[in-house]
Amino acid sequence: MKNLRALLSLSLLLPLAACSAGEEDSAAPSAVTTTVVHSADAPAGDDAADDVASGAAPGASGTAPAPASSTIPPLPEGACATSQLSAEITNEQGAAGSRLVDIVLTNTSDEECTLTGFPGVSAVTGNDGTQVGPAALRETGTEAATVTLAPGAQARAGLKITNVGLLDAAACQPQDADGLRIYPPENTDSLYVAVPGLQACAGEVDILSVQPITQLSP
């Protein structure tokens, strides 16, 4: 009878011991804490998350965008390039309220070339530096024609320069200029000619007008 009671007491104690052991195990802290970051947790488009997942350093991959490029159209076949020409101002004449001069372009190369249309002309300061006022207007009363320049041959374009002293000073904003910047037709490179005593308008007042290029007789 005593043995039966001992067995019953033992059978009741075993489940309690098992429960107690389970509670102690669940309360014990883990030795290592690991945090898992999923790419879905990162904001959409976050390249850093993709770099970490792939093993790459953030920002180490990718191609920089190509810089914007501007395309300069090629010269028409046979047209004179600025590098083939020299420029000078000649034949100055006085007129009512203005100066009339000739822009003379000379073919200094060993090859024949052509000029068609109007040169671009503007007053500049700082020895071919900053443009002063608007570029020359085109006098379209004369039709432009193609001029063929053999090596050493010359062409001219008439230029009218208004006397700024006759203009409204507030609108003109008179400023001394050092010379003229001249763009041969179809070119984006220019030639510079010093013009002593030249005055221009820093304001938006037109003082220059240019004629089309014509052949200059030898």
Foldseek 3Di string as FASTA:
>chain_A
DVVVVVVVVVVVVVVVVVVVVVVVVVPDDDPDDDDDDDPVPDPPPPVCNVCVVVVHHPPPDDDDDDDDDDDQDDFDPQADAPVQWAWEWDDWDDDVQKIKIKIKIAGQDQAKGKAKWWKKKFFAAPQPDHTAEDIAAEDPPDPIDMDIHHHGFMKIKMKIFGNCVVDDCVQFVKDDTQFMWIGGPSYPHTYTYGDPPDIGGNHHDHGMYMYIIDGDDD
